[in-house]
Amino acid sequence: MCRLRTLLVTVAVGVAALSSSASSQEDTTGNRPPPGVRLGLSYGPGVKPGVIIFPIDETPGDSIRAILQRDLDYSDRINVIALNDSSLRALVPASGKLINFPLVAKFGAALLIRARPTATGVHVTAYDISAGKVFETADFALPARSRNRNWRFAVHGISDEIEKWILGKRGIAQSRIAYVSGGTLRLIDSDGAESRAVTVGRGALSPAWSPTGRSIVFSILGNTGTQIAQLDLATGRTRRIARTPPGLNITPVFHPAGSSVVFAHGFGEGADLVLADPDSGGLRRLTVGRGSDNTSPTFSPDGRQISFTSGRSGRPQVYIMDADGTNLQLLTEYDLGVRSYRTSPDWSPDGRAIAYQQQNGDFQIWKVDLRDRIPRQLTSEGENEDPSWAPDGRHLVFASTRGGTKQLWVLDTESGRFRQLTHDSGARLAAWSPMLGAADTTRTSQ
């Protein structure tokens, strides 16, 4: 009986939500804001506005609507209210009817998204439920050949733009994660779709994205040790960073300006961080480890500082220094009597925190806020390693055994929500890209 009552309520609310015209007449009622004027939606801290997305296309599986709903849900900033597709299609109202905004609001929706396919893509209209008005409307271009990788990427751009409409900041759906599996460098979309290999062979390690997202620098095992290579994602060509010295060369990372690469180089005892010009091949040593290992550099967003792992104190810890190698500071305080070490730092894109892995019996993900320098443990289940920040400075991707085998997982550091990203056993060494594109959109007046 309880389930039947829930179903009846859902259908009733669906009828109310759909008491509108399927034609373009509903958008010409005078409720739309004047061109160039953006109505402001504001929500209190921690509030997740509810959003209903009407069916858009008839494609089963990953339809446009399914991708949009998933992307907005994975943002962890929006409450996606998913109504039954078949009920919604059956209850499309007759032409000329208006949306019953008060009843839609009772269902918990702050915003309603309607879209329809066009000759070049999709036309999207967003309604502000509390104001009873059109909030935003735009045309989005999509590739002509549907359901391929580029088409999905373009739909992710629509999700990000809708999130910007609602919250004033673009989402992160149009980003990807590079990772290593079986020694091969792979890419995967932010929602866990379209995993594919981008290198051949089995020697790839430690990928890192360029600031533009057009290339990836990584370490590759060869006949003369490990070398630093750069992959151009547009052409698929890989080149070795000029004059990489023989020996150990690992954990490369781009300077935020993209003009140079810093990596760990060692030959014999210990390893130091060196700065390399990819074109000229010039090298400059940044650390003097005196036999200790100095690895895993990560730049502050402004490029003025580097955080890295060093064993100079006897056990690996996370340090910060100026980008020229001066003003060295220990970031992760530790007890000499406690066996623990901290490695693999990653500086958040907003500059506020550094995530890292800590071993004290097992590996877990921690982060330290740079304002108060107080460490905070983020994981506790399974082994969790090598965190990498998303472009929003809120989500982290890392390798974890929490599901039984080592896979990539995503954590929302604000809500504590986890989701599995890969289903490729042995996935590790993840690196989250910067934003890789923007929606191909045109504001429209009706």
Protein backbone atom coordinates (compact mmCIF):
# COMPACT_ATOMS: atom_id res chain seq x y z
CA MET A 1 0.00 0.00 0.00
CA CYS A 2 2.83 2.38 0.86
CA ARG A 3 4.52 1.76 -2.49
CA LEU A 4 1.20 2.32 -4.34
CA ARG A 5 0.63 5.63 -2.52
CA THR A 6 4.17 6.76 -3.43
CA LEU A 7 3.58 5.88 -7.08
CA LEU A 8 0.27 7.81 -7.16
CA VAL A 9 1.89 10.88 -5.61
CA THR A 10 4.74 10.73 -8.12
CA VAL A 11 2.33 10.50 -11.06
CA ALA A 12 0.19 13.36 -9.69
CA VAL A 13 3.16 15.62 -9.30
CA GLY A 14 4.38 14.60 -12.75
CA VAL A 15 1.04 15.74 -14.18
CA ALA A 16 1.43 19.11 -12.47
CA ALA A 17 5.01 19.48 -13.64
CA LEU A 18 3.99 18.76 -17.18
CA SER A 19 0.97 21.07 -17.36
CA SER A 20 2.69 23.08 -20.06
CA SER A 21 2.84 23.32 -23.80
CA ALA A 22 5.23 21.15 -25.76
CA SER A 23 5.35 23.87 -28.38
CA SER A 24 7.44 27.01 -28.50
CA GLN A 25 4.35 29.07 -27.52
CA GLU A 26 5.06 28.46 -23.82
CA ASP A 27 8.29 30.47 -24.08
CA THR A 28 6.62 33.58 -25.48
CA THR A 29 4.35 34.41 -22.54
CA GLY A 30 6.36 37.43 -21.41
CA ASN A 31 7.92 35.54 -18.50
CA ARG A 32 11.39 35.46 -20.05
CA PRO A 33 13.97 38.01 -18.76
CA PRO A 34 15.00 40.76 -21.20
CA PRO A 35 18.04 39.95 -23.41
CA GLY A 36 21.31 40.41 -21.54
CA VAL A 37 19.65 40.33 -18.10
CA ARG A 38 20.44 37.34 -15.90
CA LEU A 39 18.10 36.64 -13.01
CA GLY A 40 19.95 35.68 -9.84
CA LEU A 41 19.28 32.43 -8.03
CA SER A 42 20.75 32.34 -4.54
CA TYR A 43 20.91 29.47 -2.09
CA GLY A 44 22.17 29.19 1.45
CA PRO A 45 25.39 27.31 2.34
CA GLY A 46 24.99 23.58 1.81
CA VAL A 47 21.63 23.92 0.04
CA LYS A 48 21.29 21.72 -3.05
CA PRO A 49 18.61 23.17 -5.34
CA GLY A 50 16.23 20.61 -6.78
CA VAL A 51 16.13 20.25 -10.57
CA ILE A 52 13.72 18.36 -12.83
CA ILE A 53 14.81 17.59 -16.40
CA PHE A 54 12.09 16.67 -18.88
CA PRO A 55 12.70 13.95 -21.49
CA ILE A 56 14.58 15.28 -24.51
CA ASP A 57 15.12 12.40 -26.93
CA GLU A 58 13.87 8.86 -27.34
CA THR A 59 17.32 7.23 -27.17
CA PRO A 60 17.42 4.35 -24.68
CA GLY A 61 20.35 4.12 -22.28
CA ASP A 62 22.62 7.15 -22.29
CA SER A 63 20.23 9.72 -23.72
CA ILE A 64 20.91 13.45 -23.47
CA ARG A 65 18.65 13.59 -20.44
CA ALA A 66 20.42 10.65 -18.75
CA ILE A 67 23.84 12.27 -19.22
CA LEU A 68 22.62 15.66 -17.96
CA GLN A 69 21.01 14.09 -14.89
CA ARG A 70 24.13 12.08 -14.10
CA ASP A 71 26.47 15.04 -14.55
CA LEU A 72 24.40 17.31 -12.31
CA ASP A 73 24.11 14.57 -9.71
CA TYR A 74 27.88 13.97 -9.76
CA SER A 75 28.44 17.68 -9.16
CA ASP A 76 27.22 17.07 -5.59
CA ARG A 77 25.81 20.62 -5.65
CA ILE A 78 22.41 19.87 -7.19
CA ASN A 79 19.56 17.56 -6.22
CA VAL A 80 18.34 15.88 -9.41
CA ILE A 81 14.68 14.90 -9.10
CA ALA A 82 14.25 11.98 -11.49
CA LEU A 83 10.67 11.31 -12.55
CA ASN A 84 9.58 8.18 -14.41
CA ASP A 85 10.34 8.61 -18.13
CA SER A 86 7.33 6.70 -19.46
CA SER A 87 4.95 8.61 -17.19
CA LEU A 88 6.41 11.93 -18.29
CA ARG A 89 6.10 11.07 -21.98
CA ALA A 90 2.49 9.93 -21.51
CA LEU A 91 1.54 13.06 -19.62
CA VAL A 92 2.82 15.74 -22.00
CA PRO A 93 0.06 18.37 -21.82
CA ALA A 94 -1.96 19.75 -24.67
CA SER A 95 -0.70 22.83 -26.50
CA GLY A 96 -1.35 26.17 -24.86
CA LYS A 97 -1.16 25.01 -21.23
CA LEU A 98 1.19 26.72 -18.77
CA ILE A 99 3.39 25.09 -16.17
CA ASN A 100 1.77 24.87 -12.76
CA PHE A 101 4.74 26.33 -10.89
CA PRO A 102 3.31 26.09 -7.32
CA LEU A 103 2.73 22.35 -7.66
CA VAL A 104 6.15 21.76 -9.22
CA ALA A 105 7.65 23.60 -6.23
CA LYS A 106 5.86 21.23 -3.85
CA PHE A 107 7.80 18.39 -5.43
CA GLY A 108 11.01 20.09 -4.28
CA ALA A 109 12.15 21.59 -7.57
CA ALA A 110 13.77 25.03 -7.71
CA LEU A 111 14.46 24.76 -11.42
CA LEU A 112 12.90 22.95 -14.33
CA ILE A 113 14.81 22.14 -17.52
CA ARG A 114 13.04 21.61 -20.84
CA ALA A 115 14.89 20.87 -24.06
CA ARG A 116 14.09 19.90 -27.60
CA PRO A 117 16.30 18.65 -30.43
CA THR A 118 17.12 21.10 -33.22
CA ALA A 119 18.77 20.71 -36.61
CA THR A 120 22.17 21.52 -35.11
CA GLY A 121 21.87 20.27 -31.54
CA VAL A 122 19.45 21.03 -28.74
CA HIS A 123 17.49 24.04 -27.48
CA VAL A 124 17.38 24.30 -23.67
CA THR A 125 15.09 26.41 -21.50
CA ALA A 126 15.39 26.70 -17.73
CA TYR A 127 12.48 27.86 -15.57
CA ASP A 128 12.81 29.49 -12.16
CA ILE A 129 10.01 27.75 -10.26
CA SER A 130 9.70 30.24 -7.38
CA ALA A 131 9.47 33.21 -9.75
CA GLY A 132 7.33 31.35 -12.28
CA LYS A 133 9.51 32.60 -15.12
CA VAL A 134 11.96 31.54 -17.78
CA PHE A 135 15.38 31.84 -16.19
CA GLU A 136 17.74 31.07 -19.10
CA THR A 137 17.47 29.77 -22.62
CA ALA A 138 20.10 28.85 -25.19
CA ASP A 139 20.86 26.77 -28.25
CA PHE A 140 23.68 24.21 -27.95
CA ALA A 141 25.45 22.69 -30.93
CA LEU A 142 26.14 18.95 -30.96
CA PRO A 143 28.23 16.91 -33.43
CA ALA A 144 26.16 15.53 -36.27
CA ARG A 145 27.29 11.96 -35.62
CA SER A 146 25.54 11.13 -32.37
CA ARG A 147 26.57 8.89 -29.52
CA ASN A 148 30.33 8.98 -30.14
CA ARG A 149 32.98 10.31 -27.77
CA ASN A 150 32.84 13.86 -29.11
CA TRP A 151 29.07 13.94 -28.92
CA ARG A 152 29.14 12.86 -25.27
CA PHE A 153 31.79 15.48 -24.54
CA ALA A 154 29.55 18.18 -26.04
CA VAL A 155 26.61 17.04 -23.89
CA HIS A 156 28.86 17.32 -20.82
CA GLY A 157 29.34 20.95 -21.86
CA ILE A 158 25.59 21.50 -21.68
CA SER A 159 25.58 20.07 -18.15
CA ASP A 160 28.33 22.46 -17.10
CA GLU A 161 26.50 25.45 -18.57
CA ILE A 162 23.26 24.50 -16.81
CA GLU A 163 25.20 24.27 -13.55
CA LYS A 164 26.55 27.75 -14.23
CA TRP A 165 23.01 29.02 -14.79
CA ILE A 166 21.94 27.59 -11.43
CA LEU A 167 24.98 28.27 -9.24
CA GLY A 168 27.05 30.85 -11.11
CA LYS A 169 30.01 28.51 -11.68
CA ARG A 170 30.58 25.98 -14.44
CA GLY A 171 30.57 22.33 -13.55
CA ILE A 172 33.41 19.86 -14.14
CA ALA A 173 31.69 17.34 -16.42
CA GLN A 174 33.85 18.49 -19.36
CA SER A 175 37.03 17.15 -17.81
CA ARG A 176 38.84 13.82 -18.00
CA ILE A 177 41.10 11.71 -15.85
CA ALA A 178 44.39 10.23 -17.04
CA TYR A 179 45.55 7.07 -15.31
CA VAL A 180 47.76 4.02 -15.67
CA SER A 181 46.55 0.45 -16.00
CA GLY A 182 48.91 -2.39 -16.85
CA GLY A 183 51.61 0.13 -17.70
CA THR A 184 49.44 1.78 -20.37
CA LEU A 185 48.30 5.39 -20.16
CA ARG A 186 44.52 5.69 -20.40
CA LEU A 187 41.88 8.44 -20.36
CA ILE A 188 38.37 8.31 -18.96
CA ASP A 189 35.53 10.86 -18.87
CA SER A 190 34.56 12.42 -15.55
CA ASP A 191 31.42 10.27 -15.39
CA GLY A 192 33.34 7.00 -15.88
CA ALA A 193 32.51 6.54 -19.57
CA GLU A 194 34.77 6.28 -22.62
CA SER A 195 37.86 4.70 -21.06
CA ARG A 196 40.52 4.28 -23.73
CA ALA A 197 44.25 3.71 -24.10
CA VAL A 198 46.31 6.62 -25.46
CA THR A 199 49.75 4.97 -25.42
CA VAL A 200 51.09 1.58 -26.47
CA GLY A 201 53.50 -0.52 -24.47
CA ARG A 202 53.60 -1.13 -20.75
CA GLY A 203 56.04 1.38 -19.29
CA ALA A 204 53.94 4.47 -18.55
CA LEU A 205 53.95 6.06 -15.08
CA SER A 206 52.85 9.24 -13.30
CA PRO A 207 50.83 11.23 -15.88
CA ALA A 208 50.24 14.98 -15.42
CA TRP A 209 48.22 17.37 -17.58
CA SER A 210 49.42 20.53 -19.25
CA PRO A 211 47.59 23.72 -18.14
CA THR A 212 45.71 23.80 -21.46
CA GLY A 213 44.74 20.13 -21.30
CA ARG A 214 46.19 19.57 -24.78
CA SER A 215 49.05 17.33 -23.71
CA ILE A 216 50.14 14.99 -20.95
CA VAL A 217 53.63 14.59 -19.57
CA PHE A 218 54.54 11.23 -18.04
CA SER A 219 57.38 8.95 -17.11
CA ILE A 220 58.16 5.97 -19.32
CA LEU A 221 60.39 2.99 -18.62
CA GLY A 222 63.02 2.43 -21.32
CA ASN A 223 66.35 0.76 -21.96
CA THR A 224 68.31 3.56 -20.27
CA GLY A 225 66.08 3.91 -17.21
CA THR A 226 63.00 6.08 -16.98
CA GLN A 227 62.55 9.00 -19.32
CA ILE A 228 60.15 11.94 -19.40
CA ALA A 229 57.80 12.00 -22.40
CA GLN A 230 55.08 14.36 -23.61
CA LEU A 231 51.95 13.15 -25.40
CA ASP A 232 50.13 15.50 -27.77
CA LEU A 233 46.48 14.49 -27.42
CA ALA A 234 45.41 16.01 -30.73
CA THR A 235 47.96 14.12 -32.84
CA GLY A 236 48.65 11.13 -30.59
CA ARG A 237 52.38 11.71 -30.99
CA THR A 238 54.79 11.21 -28.10
CA ARG A 239 58.14 12.95 -27.82
CA ARG A 240 60.85 12.76 -25.21
CA ILE A 241 61.53 15.90 -23.21
CA ALA A 242 64.76 17.29 -24.66
CA ARG A 243 67.98 16.05 -23.09
CA THR A 244 66.38 14.09 -20.26
CA PRO A 245 69.43 12.69 -18.42
CA PRO A 246 69.96 8.93 -18.05
CA GLY A 247 68.93 7.26 -14.81
CA LEU A 248 65.79 7.74 -12.78
CA ASN A 249 63.38 10.38 -14.08
CA ILE A 250 59.92 10.27 -12.53
CA THR A 251 56.83 12.22 -11.37
CA PRO A 252 56.89 15.07 -13.92
CA VAL A 253 54.53 18.06 -13.67
CA PHE A 254 54.00 21.17 -15.79
CA HIS A 255 54.55 24.66 -14.47
CA PRO A 256 51.12 26.44 -14.43
CA ALA A 257 52.35 28.66 -17.28
CA GLY A 258 53.11 25.54 -19.34
CA SER A 259 56.61 26.76 -20.18
CA SER A 260 58.60 24.19 -18.20
CA VAL A 261 58.42 20.80 -16.50
CA VAL A 262 59.66 19.82 -13.05
CA PHE A 263 60.47 16.20 -12.28
CA ALA A 264 62.56 14.03 -9.97
CA HIS A 265 65.95 12.96 -11.30
CA GLY A 266 68.36 10.56 -9.65
CA PHE A 267 71.42 8.60 -10.57
CA GLY A 268 72.67 6.37 -7.79
CA GLU A 269 71.70 7.49 -4.27
CA GLY A 270 68.78 9.83 -3.88
CA ALA A 271 66.82 12.00 -6.29
CA ASP A 272 66.39 15.76 -6.64
CA LEU A 273 63.82 17.94 -8.34
CA VAL A 274 64.99 19.53 -11.58
CA LEU A 275 63.40 22.16 -13.82
CA ALA A 276 63.51 21.39 -17.54
CA ASP A 277 62.73 23.44 -20.62
CA PRO A 278 60.95 20.95 -22.95
CA ASP A 279 62.35 22.61 -26.09
CA SER A 280 65.88 23.73 -25.24
CA GLY A 281 66.66 20.86 -22.90
CA GLY A 282 68.13 23.14 -20.24
CA LEU A 283 68.09 21.65 -16.72
CA ARG A 284 68.27 23.38 -13.34
CA ARG A 285 68.37 21.61 -10.00
CA LEU A 286 65.86 22.90 -7.43
CA THR A 287 66.59 20.71 -4.40
CA VAL A 288 69.74 19.44 -2.73
CA GLY A 289 68.66 16.22 -1.08
CA ARG A 290 72.10 14.92 -0.10
CA GLY A 291 71.19 11.32 -0.75
CA SER A 292 67.47 11.58 0.10
CA ASP A 293 64.63 11.16 -2.38
CA ASN A 294 62.80 14.33 -3.42
CA THR A 295 59.87 13.48 -5.68
CA SER A 296 56.23 14.17 -6.62
CA PRO A 297 56.28 17.95 -7.19
CA THR A 298 53.02 19.89 -7.44
CA PHE A 299 52.75 23.62 -8.12
CA SER A 300 50.57 26.15 -6.36
CA PRO A 301 48.04 27.61 -8.83
CA ASP A 302 50.04 30.84 -9.16
CA GLY A 303 53.26 28.94 -9.85
CA ARG A 304 55.13 30.60 -6.99
CA GLN A 305 55.50 27.55 -4.77
CA ILE A 306 56.07 23.80 -5.07
CA SER A 307 54.96 21.11 -2.69
CA PHE A 308 56.81 17.79 -2.87
CA THR A 309 57.79 14.65 -1.01
CA SER A 310 61.21 14.44 0.65
CA GLY A 311 62.91 11.84 2.84
CA ARG A 312 65.47 14.29 4.19
CA SER A 313 64.11 13.98 7.73
CA GLY A 314 64.49 10.19 7.76
CA ARG A 315 60.95 9.38 6.63
CA PRO A 316 59.06 10.75 3.62
CA GLN A 317 57.10 13.89 4.46
CA VAL A 318 55.43 16.69 2.50
CA TYR A 319 57.30 19.98 2.14
CA ILE A 320 56.67 23.37 0.53
CA MET A 321 59.28 25.63 -1.03
CA ASP A 322 59.39 28.61 -3.33
CA ALA A 323 59.50 27.72 -7.02
CA ASP A 324 63.20 28.63 -7.21
CA GLY A 325 64.06 26.11 -4.47
CA THR A 326 64.34 28.55 -1.55
CA ASN A 327 62.34 29.00 1.66
CA LEU A 328 61.88 25.30 2.42
CA GLN A 329 59.14 24.43 4.96
CA LEU A 330 57.93 21.15 6.44
CA LEU A 331 54.16 20.97 5.83
CA THR A 332 53.24 17.68 7.55
CA GLU A 333 54.40 17.70 11.15
CA TYR A 334 55.19 14.26 12.53
CA ASP A 335 56.19 12.43 15.69
CA LEU A 336 59.64 10.85 15.68
CA GLY A 337 58.28 7.95 17.73
CA VAL A 338 55.44 7.17 15.31
CA ARG A 339 56.14 5.21 12.13
CA SER A 340 54.20 7.08 9.44
CA TYR A 341 55.06 8.78 6.21
CA ARG A 342 53.31 11.10 3.84
CA THR A 343 53.75 11.24 0.08
CA SER A 344 52.13 12.13 -3.28
CA PRO A 345 50.93 15.68 -2.56
CA ASP A 346 48.57 17.47 -4.94
CA TRP A 347 47.83 21.21 -4.63
CA SER A 348 44.17 22.09 -5.06
CA PRO A 349 43.27 24.36 -8.03
CA ASP A 350 41.82 26.98 -5.66
CA GLY A 351 45.12 27.06 -3.74
CA ARG A 352 43.48 26.37 -0.38
CA ALA A 353 44.60 22.82 0.41
CA ILE A 354 47.05 20.06 -0.38
CA ALA A 355 45.91 16.43 -0.52
CA TYR A 356 48.35 13.57 0.06
CA GLN A 357 48.56 9.93 1.05
CA GLN A 358 49.65 8.85 4.51
CA GLN A 359 50.78 5.42 5.61
CA ASN A 360 50.49 4.37 9.20
CA GLY A 361 49.70 0.69 8.84
CA ASP A 362 47.78 1.30 5.61
CA PHE A 363 47.49 4.07 3.05
CA GLN A 364 44.76 6.67 3.44
CA ILE A 365 44.00 10.02 1.81
CA TRP A 366 44.45 13.16 3.90
CA LYS A 367 44.35 16.85 3.17
CA VAL A 368 45.77 19.87 4.97
CA ASP A 369 44.15 23.30 4.84
CA LEU A 370 46.88 25.84 4.17
CA ARG A 371 45.24 28.48 6.35
CA ASP A 372 45.41 26.55 9.63
CA ARG A 373 47.82 23.71 8.67
CA ILE A 374 45.50 21.20 10.37
CA PRO A 375 45.49 17.76 8.65
CA ARG A 376 42.20 15.98 8.07
CA GLN A 377 41.74 12.31 7.18
CA LEU A 378 39.38 11.77 4.23
CA THR A 379 39.33 7.97 3.79
CA SER A 380 39.39 4.95 6.08
CA GLU A 381 38.12 1.94 4.13
CA GLY A 382 40.62 -0.15 2.14
CA GLU A 383 43.93 1.16 0.80
CA ASN A 384 43.67 4.63 -0.77
CA GLU A 385 46.54 6.21 -2.70
CA ASP A 386 47.68 9.04 -4.99
CA PRO A 387 44.99 11.74 -4.77
CA SER A 388 44.42 14.24 -7.58
CA TRP A 389 42.13 17.27 -7.39
CA ALA A 390 39.31 18.02 -9.83
CA PRO A 391 39.19 21.51 -11.40
CA ASP A 392 36.56 22.57 -8.82
CA GLY A 393 38.94 22.09 -5.86
CA ARG A 394 36.20 20.02 -4.22
CA HIS A 395 36.43 16.51 -5.68
CA LEU A 396 39.37 14.11 -5.54
CA VAL A 397 40.16 11.04 -7.62
CA PHE A 398 42.42 8.34 -6.19
CA ALA A 399 43.20 4.61 -6.39
CA SER A 400 41.36 2.51 -3.82
CA THR A 401 40.75 -1.13 -2.91
CA ARG A 402 37.50 -0.31 -1.10
CA GLY A 403 35.55 -2.28 -3.71
CA GLY A 404 37.82 -5.34 -3.54
CA THR A 405 40.17 -4.61 -6.45
CA LYS A 406 42.22 -1.49 -7.06
CA GLN A 407 40.06 0.98 -8.99
CA LEU A 408 39.74 4.74 -9.30
CA TRP A 409 37.22 6.37 -7.00
CA VAL A 410 35.96 9.93 -6.71
CA LEU A 411 35.35 11.63 -3.37
CA ASP A 412 33.35 14.80 -2.75
CA THR A 413 35.38 16.29 0.10
CA GLU A 414 32.44 18.39 1.32
CA SER A 415 29.70 15.77 1.58
CA GLY A 416 31.91 12.68 1.96
CA ARG A 417 30.21 10.94 -0.96
CA PHE A 418 32.23 8.27 -2.83
CA ARG A 419 31.61 6.91 -6.31
CA GLN A 420 33.54 4.35 -8.33
CA LEU A 421 34.99 5.77 -11.55
CA THR A 422 36.71 2.83 -13.28
CA HIS A 423 35.99 -0.85 -13.67
CA ASP A 424 39.47 -1.65 -14.93
CA SER A 425 41.30 -3.72 -12.31
CA GLY A 426 44.69 -2.26 -11.43
CA ALA A 427 43.84 1.35 -12.29
CA ARG A 428 46.18 3.74 -10.48
CA LEU A 429 48.19 6.97 -10.63
CA ALA A 430 45.24 9.17 -11.60
CA ALA A 431 45.56 12.79 -12.74
CA TRP A 432 42.44 14.95 -13.14
CA SER A 433 42.57 17.33 -16.08
CA PRO A 434 41.80 21.05 -16.09
CA MET A 435 38.56 22.04 -17.80
CA LEU A 436 38.90 20.86 -21.38
CA GLY A 437 36.23 22.82 -23.20
CA ALA A 438 33.17 25.00 -23.07
CA ALA A 439 29.72 24.47 -24.44
CA ASP A 440 29.12 25.59 -28.02
CA THR A 441 26.17 27.74 -27.10
CA THR A 442 24.16 30.66 -28.45
CA ARG A 443 21.78 32.70 -26.30
CA THR A 444 18.42 32.93 -27.98
CA SER A 445 15.49 35.33 -27.86
CA GLN A 446 12.05 34.08 -28.65
